[in-house]
Amino acid sequence: MAKSGKPVAGGHARSAISGRFVTAGYAKRNPKTTVVEKPKKG
């Protein structure tokens, strides 16, 4: 989960620059530098 305690769109948001997990708000403000990891199905 992100630092805010809420998963981002069913996955985790990670900064492409630092590699650290970030909040949903950060992911929305910085879509070009944030990777949202989607959960695997199955």
C-alpha atoms as a PDB file:
ATOM      1  CA  MET A   1       0.000   0.000   0.000  1.00  0.00           C
ATOM      2  CA  ALA A   2       1.034   3.557  -0.533  1.00  0.00           C
ATOM      3  CA  LYS A   3       2.068   5.791   2.358  1.00  0.00           C
ATOM      4  CA  SER A   4      -1.441   7.222   2.471  1.00  0.00           C
ATOM      5  CA  GLY A   5      -2.712   3.776   3.386  1.00  0.00           C
ATOM      6  CA  LYS A   6      -4.686   3.435   0.170  1.00  0.00           C
ATOM      7  CA  PRO A   7      -3.605   1.316  -2.792  1.00  0.00           C
ATOM      8  CA  VAL A   8      -3.447   3.157  -6.099  1.00  0.00           C
ATOM      9  CA  ALA A   9      -6.015   1.813  -8.568  1.00  0.00           C
ATOM     10  CA  GLY A  10      -5.637  -1.668  -7.148  1.00  0.00           C
ATOM     11  CA  GLY A  11      -1.841  -1.567  -7.232  1.00  0.00           C
ATOM     12  CA  HIS A  12       1.172   0.139  -5.707  1.00  0.00           C
ATOM     13  CA  ALA A  13       2.637   3.388  -6.979  1.00  0.00           C
ATOM     14  CA  ARG A  14       6.427   3.539  -7.214  1.00  0.00           C
ATOM     15  CA  SER A  15       8.631   6.456  -8.199  1.00  0.00           C
ATOM     16  CA  ALA A  16      10.659   5.773 -11.329  1.00  0.00           C
ATOM     17  CA  ILE A  17      13.362   8.114 -10.036  1.00  0.00           C
ATOM     18  CA  SER A  18      13.932   6.935  -6.471  1.00  0.00           C
ATOM     19  CA  GLY A  19      12.343   3.501  -6.715  1.00  0.00           C
ATOM     20  CA  ARG A  20      10.431   4.154  -3.518  1.00  0.00           C
ATOM     21  CA  PHE A  21       6.724   3.712  -3.005  1.00  0.00           C
ATOM     22  CA  VAL A  22       4.791   6.957  -3.184  1.00  0.00           C
ATOM     23  CA  THR A  23       1.314   8.174  -2.312  1.00  0.00           C
ATOM     24  CA  ALA A  24      -1.673   8.124  -4.629  1.00  0.00           C
ATOM     25  CA  GLY A  25      -1.596  11.918  -4.726  1.00  0.00           C
ATOM     26  CA  TYR A  26       2.030  11.948  -5.841  1.00  0.00           C
ATOM     27  CA  ALA A  27       1.268   9.399  -8.547  1.00  0.00           C
ATOM     28  CA  LYS A  28      -1.534  11.592  -9.896  1.00  0.00           C
ATOM     29  CA  ARG A  29       0.615  14.734  -9.881  1.00  0.00           C
ATOM     30  CA  ASN A  30       3.618  13.023 -11.456  1.00  0.00           C
ATOM     31  CA  PRO A  31       2.309  10.431 -13.929  1.00  0.00           C
ATOM     32  CA  LYS A  32       5.451  10.529 -16.094  1.00  0.00           C
ATOM     33  CA  THR A  33       7.776   9.591 -13.247  1.00  0.00           C
ATOM     34  CA  THR A  34       5.502   7.179 -11.406  1.00  0.00           C
ATOM     35  CA  VAL A  35       4.903   3.521 -12.161  1.00  0.00           C
ATOM     36  CA  VAL A  36       1.735   1.889 -10.863  1.00  0.00           C
ATOM     37  CA  GLU A  37       2.316  -1.804 -10.316  1.00  0.00           C
ATOM     38  CA  LYS A  38      -0.810  -3.752 -11.111  1.00  0.00           C
ATOM     39  CA  PRO A  39      -1.604  -6.851  -9.048  1.00  0.00           C
ATOM     40  CA  LYS A  40      -1.208 -10.179 -10.809  1.00  0.00           C
ATOM     41  CA  LYS A  41      -4.368 -12.080 -11.600  1.00  0.00           C
ATOM     42  CA  GLY A  42      -4.454 -15.802 -11.182  1.00  0.00           C
END
